[in-house]
N, C-alpha and C. Protein backbone atom coordinates (compact mmCIF):
# COMPACT_ATOMS: atom_id res chain seq x y z
N MET A 1 -204.48 -119.17 81.15
CA MET A 1 -203.18 -119.50 80.90
C MET A 1 -202.11 -118.51 81.69
N ARG A 2 -201.26 -118.97 82.36
CA ARG A 2 -200.45 -118.19 83.05
C ARG A 2 -199.41 -117.14 82.20
N GLN A 3 -199.32 -115.89 82.53
CA GLN A 3 -198.32 -115.18 81.72
C GLN A 3 -197.06 -115.19 82.31
N SER A 4 -195.93 -114.88 81.65
CA SER A 4 -194.60 -115.29 81.91
C SER A 4 -194.03 -114.23 83.24
N GLY A 5 -194.93 -113.14 83.12
CA GLY A 5 -194.47 -112.34 84.60
C GLY A 5 -195.28 -112.63 85.74
N ASP A 6 -196.44 -113.37 85.72
CA ASP A 6 -197.05 -113.70 86.79
C ASP A 6 -196.26 -114.38 88.09
N ILE A 7 -196.41 -114.28 89.17
CA ILE A 7 -195.65 -114.98 90.25
C ILE A 7 -196.95 -115.74 91.03
N ASP A 8 -196.66 -117.13 91.14
CA ASP A 8 -197.69 -117.91 91.65
C ASP A 8 -197.07 -118.13 93.22
N SER A 9 -197.52 -118.84 93.90
CA SER A 9 -197.14 -119.31 95.46
C SER A 9 -195.89 -120.03 95.33
N HIS A 10 -195.81 -120.96 94.29
CA HIS A 10 -194.45 -121.87 94.03
C HIS A 10 -193.34 -121.09 93.70
N SER A 11 -193.55 -119.85 92.91
CA SER A 11 -192.61 -119.01 92.71
C SER A 11 -191.91 -118.10 93.78
N ILE A 12 -192.91 -117.80 94.60
CA ILE A 12 -192.56 -117.15 96.00
C ILE A 12 -191.82 -117.93 96.76
N GLN A 13 -192.10 -119.24 97.10
CA GLN A 13 -191.48 -120.07 97.86
C GLN A 13 -190.24 -120.37 97.50
N GLU A 14 -189.91 -120.50 96.02
CA GLU A 14 -188.49 -120.61 95.67
C GLU A 14 -187.75 -119.50 95.73
N LEU A 15 -188.27 -118.16 95.75
CA LEU A 15 -187.57 -116.97 95.95
C LEU A 15 -187.22 -117.08 97.39
N GLY A 16 -188.22 -117.28 98.04
CA GLY A 16 -188.36 -117.08 99.79
C GLY A 16 -187.53 -116.39 100.52
N LEU A 17 -186.80 -117.15 101.11
CA LEU A 17 -185.90 -116.59 102.30
C LEU A 17 -184.68 -115.83 101.76
N LEU A 18 -184.09 -116.34 100.50
CA LEU A 18 -182.99 -115.51 99.90
C LEU A 18 -183.60 -114.15 99.51
N SER A 19 -185.02 -113.86 98.96
CA SER A 19 -185.10 -112.71 98.37
C SER A 19 -185.51 -111.70 99.86
N LEU A 20 -185.89 -112.50 100.79
CA LEU A 20 -186.27 -111.73 102.16
C LEU A 20 -185.06 -111.14 102.71
N PHE A 21 -183.86 -112.08 102.76
CA PHE A 21 -182.66 -111.09 102.97
C PHE A 21 -182.29 -110.39 102.23
N ILE A 22 -182.29 -110.18 100.96
CA ILE A 22 -181.96 -109.19 100.00
C ILE A 22 -182.82 -107.82 100.16
N VAL A 23 -184.05 -108.30 100.24
CA VAL A 23 -185.00 -107.31 100.39
C VAL A 23 -184.67 -106.52 101.70
N ALA A 24 -184.47 -107.22 102.75
CA ALA A 24 -184.49 -106.57 104.17
C ALA A 24 -183.01 -105.84 104.27
N MET A 25 -181.99 -106.46 103.51
CA MET A 25 -180.52 -105.63 103.76
C MET A 25 -180.66 -104.52 102.91
N LEU A 26 -181.46 -104.40 101.57
CA LEU A 26 -181.50 -103.27 100.72
C LEU A 26 -182.22 -102.00 101.58
N SER A 27 -183.46 -102.50 102.25
CA SER A 27 -184.30 -101.36 102.88
C SER A 27 -183.56 -100.77 104.21
N ALA A 28 -182.67 -101.52 104.52
CA ALA A 28 -181.89 -100.83 105.65
C ALA A 28 -180.67 -100.10 105.30
N THR A 29 -180.29 -100.01 104.02
CA THR A 29 -179.50 -99.01 103.50
C THR A 29 -180.03 -97.79 103.23
N LEU A 30 -179.17 -96.76 102.67
CA LEU A 30 -179.83 -95.52 102.51
C LEU A 30 -180.75 -95.50 101.28
N LEU A 31 -180.90 -96.55 100.55
CA LEU A 31 -181.92 -96.84 99.51
C LEU A 31 -183.35 -96.81 99.89
N PRO A 32 -184.12 -96.25 99.21
CA PRO A 32 -185.62 -96.26 99.79
C PRO A 32 -186.24 -97.69 99.40
N GLY A 33 -187.09 -98.05 100.44
CA GLY A 33 -187.74 -99.16 100.37
C GLY A 33 -188.15 -99.96 101.82
N GLY A 34 -188.98 -101.01 101.66
CA GLY A 34 -189.29 -101.57 102.73
C GLY A 34 -189.33 -103.03 102.69
N SER A 35 -189.33 -103.80 103.87
CA SER A 35 -189.27 -105.29 103.64
C SER A 35 -190.67 -105.84 104.18
N GLU A 36 -191.47 -104.91 105.01
CA GLU A 36 -192.62 -105.47 105.54
C GLU A 36 -193.49 -106.35 104.80
N ALA A 37 -193.79 -105.83 103.45
CA ALA A 37 -195.02 -106.48 102.60
C ALA A 37 -194.56 -107.77 102.19
N TRP A 38 -192.97 -107.93 101.90
CA TRP A 38 -192.52 -109.34 101.50
C TRP A 38 -192.58 -110.09 102.64
N LEU A 39 -192.13 -109.59 103.86
CA LEU A 39 -192.41 -110.51 105.08
C LEU A 39 -193.64 -111.02 105.27
N ALA A 40 -194.47 -110.07 105.10
CA ALA A 40 -195.88 -110.81 105.18
C ALA A 40 -196.33 -111.50 104.17
N THR A 41 -195.91 -111.33 103.00
CA THR A 41 -196.33 -112.39 101.81
C THR A 41 -195.70 -113.80 102.08
N LEU A 42 -194.18 -113.94 102.66
CA LEU A 42 -193.72 -114.99 102.96
C LEU A 42 -194.44 -115.75 104.26
N TRP A 43 -195.02 -114.74 105.07
CA TRP A 43 -195.52 -115.25 106.13
C TRP A 43 -196.89 -116.13 105.85
N CYS A 44 -197.64 -115.31 105.21
CA CYS A 44 -198.76 -115.92 104.56
C CYS A 44 -198.64 -117.15 103.62
N GLN A 45 -197.56 -117.31 103.03
CA GLN A 45 -197.30 -118.46 102.20
C GLN A 45 -196.80 -119.69 103.25
N GLY A 46 -196.66 -119.45 104.37
CA GLY A 46 -196.28 -120.51 105.38
C GLY A 46 -194.67 -120.68 105.79
N GLU A 47 -194.16 -119.75 105.23
CA GLU A 47 -192.58 -119.92 105.92
C GLU A 47 -192.57 -120.13 107.15
N PRO A 48 -191.57 -120.80 107.98
CA PRO A 48 -191.70 -121.02 109.18
C PRO A 48 -191.17 -119.63 109.89
N LEU A 49 -192.09 -119.11 110.99
CA LEU A 49 -191.93 -117.73 111.61
C LEU A 49 -190.45 -117.52 112.17
N ILE A 50 -189.80 -118.58 112.59
CA ILE A 50 -188.52 -118.25 113.22
C ILE A 50 -187.52 -117.96 112.08
N MET A 51 -187.53 -118.73 110.96
CA MET A 51 -186.82 -118.58 109.93
C MET A 51 -186.82 -117.12 109.17
N LEU A 52 -187.99 -116.75 109.20
CA LEU A 52 -188.55 -115.45 108.74
C LEU A 52 -187.95 -114.30 109.54
N TRP A 53 -187.95 -114.56 110.94
CA TRP A 53 -187.30 -113.55 112.02
C TRP A 53 -185.72 -113.48 111.58
N VAL A 54 -185.22 -114.54 111.71
CA VAL A 54 -183.79 -115.00 111.70
C VAL A 54 -183.43 -114.11 110.27
N VAL A 55 -183.79 -114.49 109.15
CA VAL A 55 -183.47 -114.16 107.80
C VAL A 55 -183.71 -112.79 107.81
N ALA A 56 -184.83 -112.26 108.02
CA ALA A 56 -185.10 -110.48 108.10
C ALA A 56 -184.00 -109.78 108.86
N THR A 57 -184.00 -110.21 110.14
CA THR A 57 -183.00 -109.45 110.99
C THR A 57 -181.59 -109.50 110.43
N ALA A 58 -181.20 -110.70 110.14
CA ALA A 58 -179.64 -110.98 109.55
C ALA A 58 -179.60 -109.85 108.29
N GLY A 59 -180.33 -109.88 107.37
CA GLY A 59 -180.44 -108.92 106.34
C GLY A 59 -180.34 -107.63 106.57
N ASN A 60 -181.44 -107.26 107.55
CA ASN A 60 -181.61 -105.92 107.91
C ASN A 60 -180.45 -105.31 108.50
N THR A 61 -179.89 -106.30 109.65
CA THR A 61 -178.43 -105.68 110.15
C THR A 61 -177.54 -105.62 109.40
N LEU A 62 -177.24 -106.53 108.27
CA LEU A 62 -176.13 -106.37 107.43
C LEU A 62 -176.25 -104.84 106.55
N GLY A 63 -177.55 -104.66 106.24
CA GLY A 63 -177.72 -103.33 105.47
C GLY A 63 -177.47 -102.26 106.39
N SER A 64 -177.74 -102.14 107.56
CA SER A 64 -177.28 -101.10 108.58
C SER A 64 -175.73 -101.13 108.65
N LEU A 65 -174.97 -102.35 108.82
CA LEU A 65 -173.82 -102.35 108.88
C LEU A 65 -172.82 -101.96 107.70
N ILE A 66 -173.79 -101.84 106.57
CA ILE A 66 -173.16 -101.08 105.50
C ILE A 66 -173.31 -99.54 105.53
N ASN A 67 -174.37 -99.04 106.16
CA ASN A 67 -174.33 -97.63 106.45
C ASN A 67 -173.25 -97.46 107.40
N VAL A 68 -173.14 -98.23 108.42
CA VAL A 68 -172.02 -98.03 109.36
C VAL A 68 -170.69 -97.78 108.59
N ALA A 69 -170.36 -98.77 107.75
CA ALA A 69 -169.03 -98.70 106.93
C ALA A 69 -169.02 -97.49 106.02
N LEU A 70 -170.29 -96.98 105.55
CA LEU A 70 -170.08 -95.59 104.72
C LEU A 70 -169.76 -94.65 105.74
N GLY A 71 -170.32 -94.62 106.82
CA GLY A 71 -169.77 -93.49 107.90
C GLY A 71 -168.40 -93.49 108.27
N ARG A 72 -167.96 -94.72 108.45
CA ARG A 72 -166.27 -94.84 108.58
C ARG A 72 -165.64 -94.22 107.59
N PHE A 73 -166.05 -94.40 106.27
CA PHE A 73 -164.97 -93.87 104.98
C PHE A 73 -165.43 -92.51 104.65
N ALA A 74 -166.59 -91.81 105.53
CA ALA A 74 -166.98 -90.44 105.12
C ALA A 74 -165.84 -89.42 104.96
N ARG A 75 -165.29 -89.55 105.91
CA ARG A 75 -163.94 -88.49 106.10
C ARG A 75 -163.20 -88.23 104.61
N GLN A 76 -162.90 -89.59 104.24
CA GLN A 76 -161.91 -89.81 103.05
C GLN A 76 -162.62 -89.14 101.59
N TRP A 77 -163.92 -89.02 101.78
CA TRP A 77 -164.73 -88.55 100.60
C TRP A 77 -164.83 -86.87 100.88
N VAL A 78 -164.54 -86.15 101.88
CA VAL A 78 -164.65 -84.85 102.30
C VAL A 78 -164.06 -83.98 100.99
N GLY A 79 -164.62 -83.02 100.66
CA GLY A 79 -163.94 -82.36 99.65
C GLY A 79 -164.25 -82.54 98.26
N ARG A 80 -164.65 -83.92 98.04
CA ARG A 80 -164.98 -84.41 96.52
C ARG A 80 -166.49 -83.69 96.23
N ARG A 81 -166.43 -83.37 94.97
CA ARG A 81 -167.63 -82.54 94.39
C ARG A 81 -168.89 -83.17 94.62
N TRP A 82 -169.21 -84.36 94.51
CA TRP A 82 -170.16 -85.46 94.75
C TRP A 82 -170.46 -85.54 96.12
N PHE A 83 -169.75 -85.21 97.08
CA PHE A 83 -170.13 -85.59 98.47
C PHE A 83 -170.45 -84.42 99.29
N PRO A 84 -171.74 -84.72 99.79
CA PRO A 84 -172.50 -83.33 100.26
C PRO A 84 -171.90 -82.92 101.56
N ALA A 85 -171.21 -83.46 102.32
CA ALA A 85 -170.83 -83.23 103.73
C ALA A 85 -169.23 -82.61 104.00
N THR A 86 -169.19 -81.51 104.72
CA THR A 86 -167.99 -81.08 104.98
C THR A 86 -167.34 -81.64 106.11
N GLU A 87 -165.98 -81.34 106.36
CA GLU A 87 -165.25 -82.09 107.70
C GLU A 87 -165.95 -81.39 108.85
N ARG A 88 -166.22 -79.97 108.93
CA ARG A 88 -167.09 -79.36 110.01
C ARG A 88 -168.43 -80.00 110.24
N GLY A 89 -169.01 -80.36 109.09
CA GLY A 89 -170.49 -81.21 109.32
C GLY A 89 -170.25 -82.40 109.91
N LEU A 90 -169.26 -83.14 109.59
CA LEU A 90 -168.89 -84.61 110.15
C LEU A 90 -168.74 -84.27 111.48
N GLN A 91 -167.92 -83.30 112.02
CA GLN A 91 -167.45 -83.29 113.44
C GLN A 91 -168.72 -82.93 114.16
N ARG A 92 -169.70 -82.13 113.75
CA ARG A 92 -170.76 -81.75 114.08
C ARG A 92 -171.77 -83.05 114.36
N ALA A 93 -171.97 -83.67 113.47
CA ALA A 93 -172.60 -84.81 113.42
C ALA A 93 -172.10 -86.02 114.55
N GLU A 94 -170.93 -85.85 114.76
CA GLU A 94 -170.22 -87.13 115.54
C GLU A 94 -170.30 -86.44 116.94
N ARG A 95 -170.32 -85.13 117.30
CA ARG A 95 -170.58 -84.77 118.45
C ARG A 95 -172.19 -84.74 118.84
N TRP A 96 -172.99 -84.81 118.04
CA TRP A 96 -174.29 -85.15 118.46
C TRP A 96 -174.66 -86.36 118.66
N TYR A 97 -173.89 -87.37 117.89
CA TYR A 97 -174.10 -88.75 117.98
C TYR A 97 -173.56 -89.02 119.45
N GLN A 98 -172.30 -88.66 119.95
CA GLN A 98 -171.87 -88.91 120.99
C GLN A 98 -172.66 -88.55 122.16
N ARG A 99 -173.27 -87.25 122.04
CA ARG A 99 -174.24 -86.80 123.18
C ARG A 99 -175.15 -88.00 123.34
N GLY A 100 -175.90 -88.52 122.24
CA GLY A 100 -176.81 -89.54 122.49
C GLY A 100 -176.29 -90.88 122.97
N GLY A 101 -174.90 -91.32 122.56
CA GLY A 101 -174.62 -92.43 122.88
C GLY A 101 -174.89 -93.54 121.93
N GLU A 102 -174.20 -94.73 122.32
CA GLU A 102 -174.42 -95.91 121.23
C GLU A 102 -175.77 -96.43 121.31
N ALA A 103 -176.45 -96.30 122.42
CA ALA A 103 -177.70 -96.84 122.89
C ALA A 103 -178.65 -96.19 121.73
N THR A 104 -178.32 -95.16 121.20
CA THR A 104 -179.48 -94.51 119.99
C THR A 104 -179.67 -95.53 119.02
N LEU A 105 -178.71 -96.25 118.77
CA LEU A 105 -178.77 -97.41 117.61
C LEU A 105 -180.01 -98.42 117.92
N LEU A 106 -180.61 -98.36 119.09
CA LEU A 106 -181.88 -99.00 119.47
C LEU A 106 -182.89 -98.38 118.61
N LEU A 107 -182.99 -97.28 117.89
CA LEU A 107 -183.63 -96.67 117.18
C LEU A 107 -183.50 -96.97 115.59
N ALA A 108 -182.51 -97.69 115.40
CA ALA A 108 -182.12 -98.24 113.91
C ALA A 108 -183.12 -98.60 113.26
N TRP A 109 -184.28 -99.30 113.78
CA TRP A 109 -185.51 -99.54 113.13
C TRP A 109 -186.32 -98.69 112.67
N VAL A 110 -186.32 -97.24 113.20
CA VAL A 110 -187.20 -96.42 112.81
C VAL A 110 -187.22 -95.90 111.52
N PRO A 111 -188.16 -95.85 110.67
CA PRO A 111 -188.08 -95.39 109.42
C PRO A 111 -187.59 -94.12 109.25
N ILE A 112 -186.72 -93.72 108.30
CA ILE A 112 -186.19 -92.17 107.96
C ILE A 112 -184.89 -91.96 108.87
N LEU A 113 -185.34 -91.99 110.27
CA LEU A 113 -184.50 -91.71 111.17
C LEU A 113 -183.45 -92.85 111.52
N GLY A 114 -183.68 -94.10 111.47
CA GLY A 114 -182.56 -95.08 111.66
C GLY A 114 -181.45 -95.12 110.79
N ASP A 115 -181.56 -94.94 109.44
CA ASP A 115 -180.45 -94.99 108.52
C ASP A 115 -179.31 -93.99 108.88
N PRO A 116 -179.79 -92.87 108.97
CA PRO A 116 -178.58 -92.01 109.33
C PRO A 116 -178.10 -92.09 110.70
N LEU A 117 -178.77 -92.73 111.71
CA LEU A 117 -178.13 -93.06 113.00
C LEU A 117 -177.14 -94.06 112.74
N THR A 118 -177.16 -94.91 111.93
CA THR A 118 -176.32 -96.15 111.63
C THR A 118 -174.97 -95.29 111.06
N VAL A 119 -175.31 -94.29 110.09
CA VAL A 119 -174.10 -93.72 109.44
C VAL A 119 -173.41 -92.90 110.44
N LEU A 120 -174.00 -92.35 111.18
CA LEU A 120 -173.37 -91.56 112.38
C LEU A 120 -172.65 -92.32 113.31
N ALA A 121 -173.21 -93.43 113.40
CA ALA A 121 -172.27 -94.37 114.23
C ALA A 121 -171.03 -95.05 113.73
N GLY A 122 -170.98 -95.05 112.16
CA GLY A 122 -169.74 -95.10 111.74
C GLY A 122 -168.83 -93.96 111.66
N ILE A 123 -169.35 -92.70 111.31
CA ILE A 123 -168.68 -91.50 111.69
C ILE A 123 -167.93 -91.27 113.09
N ALA A 124 -168.81 -91.86 114.03
CA ALA A 124 -168.10 -91.74 115.56
C ALA A 124 -167.27 -93.03 115.69
N ARG A 125 -167.03 -93.78 114.80
CA ARG A 125 -165.92 -94.99 114.81
C ARG A 125 -166.30 -95.80 115.88
N LEU A 126 -167.79 -96.15 116.29
CA LEU A 126 -168.19 -96.84 117.06
C LEU A 126 -167.65 -98.34 116.64
N PRO A 127 -167.08 -99.25 117.53
CA PRO A 127 -166.63 -100.55 117.10
C PRO A 127 -167.73 -101.38 116.54
N TRP A 128 -167.07 -102.17 115.43
CA TRP A 128 -168.09 -103.05 114.88
C TRP A 128 -169.03 -104.03 115.63
N TRP A 129 -168.33 -104.37 116.62
CA TRP A 129 -169.07 -105.38 117.39
C TRP A 129 -170.32 -104.93 118.42
N ARG A 130 -169.85 -103.66 118.63
CA ARG A 130 -170.60 -102.86 119.57
C ARG A 130 -172.14 -102.58 118.68
N ALA A 131 -171.80 -101.95 117.50
CA ALA A 131 -172.68 -101.42 116.54
C ALA A 131 -173.45 -102.45 116.20
N ALA A 132 -172.89 -103.71 115.85
CA ALA A 132 -173.80 -104.88 115.35
C ALA A 132 -174.39 -105.34 116.58
N GLY A 133 -174.25 -105.46 117.81
CA GLY A 133 -174.96 -105.73 119.04
C GLY A 133 -176.10 -104.88 119.24
N TRP A 134 -176.01 -103.54 118.98
CA TRP A 134 -177.32 -102.65 119.23
C TRP A 134 -178.20 -102.86 117.98
N ILE A 135 -177.63 -102.85 116.92
CA ILE A 135 -178.35 -103.16 115.75
C ILE A 135 -179.21 -104.23 115.65
N VAL A 136 -178.51 -105.62 115.99
CA VAL A 136 -179.32 -106.64 115.93
C VAL A 136 -180.64 -106.55 117.18
N LEU A 137 -180.15 -105.96 118.39
CA LEU A 137 -181.41 -105.80 119.26
C LEU A 137 -182.54 -105.02 118.45
N SER A 138 -182.01 -104.01 117.79
CA SER A 138 -183.13 -103.12 117.42
C SER A 138 -183.96 -103.82 116.21
N LYS A 139 -183.21 -104.22 115.30
CA LYS A 139 -183.88 -104.91 114.00
C LYS A 139 -184.65 -106.33 114.45
N GLY A 140 -183.99 -106.78 115.34
CA GLY A 140 -184.71 -108.36 116.06
C GLY A 140 -185.89 -107.97 116.69
N GLY A 141 -185.86 -106.83 117.23
CA GLY A 141 -187.15 -106.55 118.22
C GLY A 141 -188.33 -106.11 117.15
N ARG A 142 -187.80 -105.37 116.14
CA ARG A 142 -188.77 -104.85 115.08
C ARG A 142 -189.40 -105.91 114.41
N TYR A 143 -188.61 -107.03 113.88
CA TYR A 143 -189.15 -107.87 113.16
C TYR A 143 -190.06 -108.81 114.17
N GLY A 144 -189.54 -109.00 115.43
CA GLY A 144 -190.33 -110.00 116.22
C GLY A 144 -191.65 -109.22 116.52
N VAL A 145 -191.67 -107.96 116.65
CA VAL A 145 -193.25 -107.33 116.67
C VAL A 145 -193.91 -107.41 115.64
N LEU A 146 -193.23 -107.24 114.27
CA LEU A 146 -193.95 -107.40 113.22
C LEU A 146 -194.53 -108.57 112.84
N LEU A 147 -193.75 -109.88 113.25
CA LEU A 147 -194.31 -110.97 112.95
C LEU A 147 -195.31 -111.64 114.19
N TRP A 148 -195.06 -111.10 115.31
CA TRP A 148 -196.16 -111.09 116.45
C TRP A 148 -197.41 -110.70 116.05
N ALA A 149 -197.54 -109.28 115.40
CA ALA A 149 -198.80 -108.66 114.86
C ALA A 149 -199.26 -109.48 113.73
N ALA A 150 -198.44 -110.01 112.76
CA ALA A 150 -199.10 -110.87 111.61
C ALA A 150 -199.70 -112.14 112.22
N GLU A 151 -199.05 -112.78 113.03
CA GLU A 151 -199.72 -113.90 113.59
C GLU A 151 -201.02 -113.50 114.29
N ARG A 152 -200.99 -112.49 115.18
CA ARG A 152 -202.30 -111.97 115.57
C ARG A 152 -203.36 -111.55 114.82
N TRP A 153 -203.30 -110.86 113.81
CA TRP A 153 -204.10 -109.95 113.13
C TRP A 153 -204.21 -110.38 111.73
N LEU A 154 -203.29 -110.68 111.11
CA LEU A 154 -203.07 -111.17 109.54
C LEU A 154 -203.43 -112.44 109.28
N SER A 155 -203.44 -113.32 110.37
CA SER A 155 -203.94 -114.80 109.84
C SER A 155 -205.11 -114.95 109.11
N PRO A 156 -206.40 -114.35 109.62
CA PRO A 156 -207.60 -114.51 108.83
C PRO A 156 -207.51 -113.96 107.26
N HIS A 157 -206.49 -113.20 107.10
CA HIS A 157 -206.38 -112.42 105.82
C HIS A 157 -205.77 -113.32 104.81
N CYS A 158 -205.08 -114.22 105.25
CA CYS A 158 -203.86 -114.91 104.38
C CYS A 158 -204.83 -115.95 103.37
N LEU A 159 -204.41 -116.08 102.24
CA LEU A 159 -205.49 -116.82 101.50
C LEU A 159 -204.78 -118.14 101.37
N GLY A 160 -205.40 -119.23 101.30
CA GLY A 160 -204.98 -120.63 101.12
C GLY A 160 -204.90 -121.39 102.18
C-alpha cells in the first residue's frame, strides 16, 4: 500500500513542467539549490526534450532577472542595518563589472559565480533586454548541454 507521502510517476507527471519552472527559477536566485536532479527525473519520465529545455531555460532566466532587479534596487537599501553593502562597495562592484563587460553574463550558469554576476549587472544598471539576452544564451546553453548529456549517458539508467 502506498503511503500518502510517496511520489509515483503519475504524481511527477502531474507536477511536471510547472514544478521544473519553479525549481529552475528558485535555483537561479540567491537561494541555495539546483534544478539538475529534477530536470533529469522529468527527462527519465519521458517529458519532451524541447519542453524541458524551454521551461528550464525560462524559469532559470526569470530567477536571474530577479537577481538583476535586486541589484538595481541595492542602492536604496544602503545604510539599512540588515543590508551588508556600503555605497563604496557597490561602486567598487560596479567598476569591476564594467571592466568585464556585459558578456560576463555568459557565465551566469556557473554555480556560485553566476548569481552574484547577475546582481552586479543590476547594480551596473544594464538594460533589461540586454541582460535577458545574455542570460538566455547562458542558461539555454547550459540546459542544452545537460539535456544532451542526459540523452547520451543517462538513457540506460532510466527506469521503465
